[in-house]
């Protein structure tokens, strides 16, 4: 039975910090997402940026 929990934490980050996040872009440093890695660029309201890489692994 699947719990339908998202593999990525970016939805939680976007919801929890919505007051300071202006935009979340796909990819980081010009690199796209892959099957095991999710890359995002988070742009804050002061126009600073944070590049994030999330490694997705199968949990058995």
N, C-alpha and C. Protein backbone atom coordinates (compact mmCIF):
# COMPACT_ATOMS: atom_id res chain seq x y z
N UNK A 1 0.85 -1.18 0.00
CA UNK A 1 0.00 0.00 0.00
C UNK A 1 0.89 1.24 0.00
N UNK A 2 0.71 2.09 -0.95
CA UNK A 2 1.50 3.31 -1.06
C UNK A 2 0.92 4.40 -0.17
N UNK A 3 1.82 5.15 0.46
CA UNK A 3 1.38 6.25 1.32
C UNK A 3 1.21 7.55 0.56
N UNK A 4 1.61 7.56 -0.71
CA UNK A 4 1.53 8.75 -1.56
C UNK A 4 2.31 9.93 -0.98
N UNK A 5 3.42 9.63 -0.33
CA UNK A 5 4.30 10.66 0.19
C UNK A 5 5.24 11.06 -0.94
N UNK A 6 5.36 12.36 -1.25
CA UNK A 6 6.25 12.75 -2.34
C UNK A 6 7.70 12.39 -2.05
N UNK A 7 8.43 12.02 -3.10
CA UNK A 7 9.84 11.66 -2.94
C UNK A 7 10.69 12.87 -2.60
N UNK A 8 10.26 14.05 -3.02
CA UNK A 8 11.04 15.26 -2.83
C UNK A 8 10.50 16.10 -1.67
N UNK A 9 11.39 16.85 -1.05
CA UNK A 9 11.00 17.75 0.04
C UNK A 9 10.75 19.18 -0.42
N UNK A 10 10.87 19.44 -1.71
CA UNK A 10 10.72 20.81 -2.18
C UNK A 10 9.32 21.38 -1.97
N UNK A 11 8.30 20.55 -2.01
CA UNK A 11 6.94 21.05 -1.73
C UNK A 11 6.83 21.54 -0.29
N UNK A 12 7.44 20.81 0.63
CA UNK A 12 7.42 21.23 2.03
C UNK A 12 8.19 22.53 2.22
N UNK A 13 9.33 22.64 1.58
CA UNK A 13 10.14 23.86 1.68
C UNK A 13 9.36 25.04 1.13
N UNK A 14 8.73 24.86 -0.03
CA UNK A 14 7.97 25.94 -0.65
C UNK A 14 6.81 26.38 0.24
N UNK A 15 6.11 25.45 0.85
CA UNK A 15 4.99 25.79 1.74
C UNK A 15 5.46 26.42 3.04
N UNK A 16 6.48 25.86 3.65
CA UNK A 16 6.93 26.35 4.96
C UNK A 16 7.60 27.72 4.89
N UNK A 17 8.22 28.04 3.77
CA UNK A 17 8.95 29.30 3.65
C UNK A 17 8.36 30.20 2.55
N UNK A 18 7.07 30.08 2.31
CA UNK A 18 6.43 30.83 1.23
C UNK A 18 6.51 32.34 1.43
N UNK A 19 6.68 32.80 2.67
CA UNK A 19 6.77 34.23 2.93
C UNK A 19 8.10 34.84 2.48
N UNK A 20 9.14 34.03 2.31
CA UNK A 20 10.43 34.57 1.88
C UNK A 20 10.89 34.04 0.53
N UNK A 21 10.17 33.07 -0.04
CA UNK A 21 10.54 32.51 -1.35
C UNK A 21 9.73 33.20 -2.43
N UNK A 22 10.43 33.73 -3.42
CA UNK A 22 9.76 34.37 -4.55
C UNK A 22 9.48 33.36 -5.66
N UNK A 23 10.43 32.43 -5.87
CA UNK A 23 10.30 31.49 -6.99
C UNK A 23 11.19 30.27 -6.74
N UNK A 24 10.74 29.12 -7.21
CA UNK A 24 11.57 27.92 -7.23
C UNK A 24 11.66 27.45 -8.68
N UNK A 25 12.89 27.44 -9.21
CA UNK A 25 13.12 27.07 -10.61
C UNK A 25 13.67 25.65 -10.70
N UNK A 26 13.32 24.96 -11.77
CA UNK A 26 13.89 23.63 -12.02
C UNK A 26 15.33 23.79 -12.48
N UNK A 27 16.18 22.89 -12.01
CA UNK A 27 17.59 22.91 -12.39
C UNK A 27 18.39 23.82 -11.47
N UNK A 28 19.70 23.60 -11.45
CA UNK A 28 20.61 24.41 -10.65
C UNK A 28 21.95 24.46 -11.35
N UNK A 29 22.52 25.65 -11.42
CA UNK A 29 23.82 25.85 -12.07
C UNK A 29 23.85 25.33 -13.50
N UNK A 30 22.73 25.41 -14.19
CA UNK A 30 22.65 24.97 -15.58
C UNK A 30 22.50 23.47 -15.76
N UNK A 31 22.43 22.72 -14.68
CA UNK A 31 22.29 21.27 -14.76
C UNK A 31 20.82 20.88 -14.59
N UNK A 32 20.33 19.99 -15.44
CA UNK A 32 18.93 19.56 -15.33
C UNK A 32 18.77 18.47 -14.26
N UNK A 33 17.52 18.13 -13.99
CA UNK A 33 17.21 17.01 -13.09
C UNK A 33 17.56 15.70 -13.79
N UNK A 34 17.78 14.66 -12.99
CA UNK A 34 17.99 13.32 -13.54
C UNK A 34 17.05 12.38 -12.80
N UNK A 35 17.12 11.10 -13.11
CA UNK A 35 16.23 10.12 -12.48
C UNK A 35 16.46 10.03 -10.97
N UNK A 36 17.69 10.21 -10.51
CA UNK A 36 18.03 10.09 -9.09
C UNK A 36 18.26 11.41 -8.39
N UNK A 37 18.33 12.50 -9.13
CA UNK A 37 18.70 13.78 -8.54
C UNK A 37 17.71 14.85 -8.96
N UNK A 38 17.24 15.61 -7.99
CA UNK A 38 16.37 16.75 -8.26
C UNK A 38 17.16 18.01 -7.92
N UNK A 39 17.27 18.90 -8.88
CA UNK A 39 18.00 20.16 -8.68
C UNK A 39 17.01 21.31 -8.78
N UNK A 40 17.13 22.26 -7.88
CA UNK A 40 16.26 23.43 -7.87
C UNK A 40 17.09 24.66 -7.54
N UNK A 41 16.65 25.79 -8.06
CA UNK A 41 17.19 27.08 -7.69
C UNK A 41 16.08 27.82 -6.96
N UNK A 42 16.32 28.18 -5.72
CA UNK A 42 15.34 28.90 -4.93
C UNK A 42 15.73 30.37 -4.94
N UNK A 43 14.80 31.22 -5.38
CA UNK A 43 15.03 32.67 -5.42
C UNK A 43 14.22 33.29 -4.28
N UNK A 44 14.91 34.04 -3.43
CA UNK A 44 14.26 34.66 -2.27
C UNK A 44 13.80 36.07 -2.61
N UNK A 45 12.97 36.62 -1.74
CA UNK A 45 12.39 37.95 -1.99
C UNK A 45 13.45 39.05 -2.05
N UNK A 46 14.62 38.84 -1.44
CA UNK A 46 15.70 39.83 -1.53
C UNK A 46 16.59 39.58 -2.75
N UNK A 47 16.14 38.67 -3.65
CA UNK A 47 16.80 38.30 -4.91
C UNK A 47 18.06 37.46 -4.72
N UNK A 48 18.36 37.02 -3.51
CA UNK A 48 19.45 36.07 -3.33
C UNK A 48 18.96 34.70 -3.80
N UNK A 49 19.90 33.81 -4.10
CA UNK A 49 19.56 32.49 -4.64
C UNK A 49 20.24 31.40 -3.83
N UNK A 50 19.58 30.27 -3.76
CA UNK A 50 20.15 29.09 -3.14
C UNK A 50 19.99 27.94 -4.12
N UNK A 51 21.09 27.27 -4.43
CA UNK A 51 21.07 26.13 -5.34
C UNK A 51 20.99 24.86 -4.51
N UNK A 52 20.01 24.02 -4.80
CA UNK A 52 19.78 22.81 -4.01
C UNK A 52 19.84 21.58 -4.89
N UNK A 53 20.43 20.53 -4.34
CA UNK A 53 20.47 19.23 -5.01
C UNK A 53 19.95 18.20 -4.01
N UNK A 54 18.93 17.47 -4.42
CA UNK A 54 18.34 16.44 -3.57
C UNK A 54 18.55 15.09 -4.24
N UNK A 55 19.21 14.19 -3.54
CA UNK A 55 19.49 12.85 -4.06
C UNK A 55 18.37 11.93 -3.62
N UNK A 56 17.66 11.33 -4.57
CA UNK A 56 16.54 10.44 -4.28
C UNK A 56 17.03 9.01 -4.35
N UNK A 57 16.82 8.28 -3.28
CA UNK A 57 17.25 6.87 -3.22
C UNK A 57 16.05 6.01 -2.89
N UNK A 58 16.07 4.80 -3.40
CA UNK A 58 15.02 3.82 -3.10
C UNK A 58 15.21 3.35 -1.66
N UNK A 59 14.13 3.36 -0.90
CA UNK A 59 14.16 2.84 0.46
C UNK A 59 13.49 1.48 0.45
N UNK A 60 14.17 0.49 0.98
CA UNK A 60 13.62 -0.87 0.96
C UNK A 60 13.11 -1.25 2.33
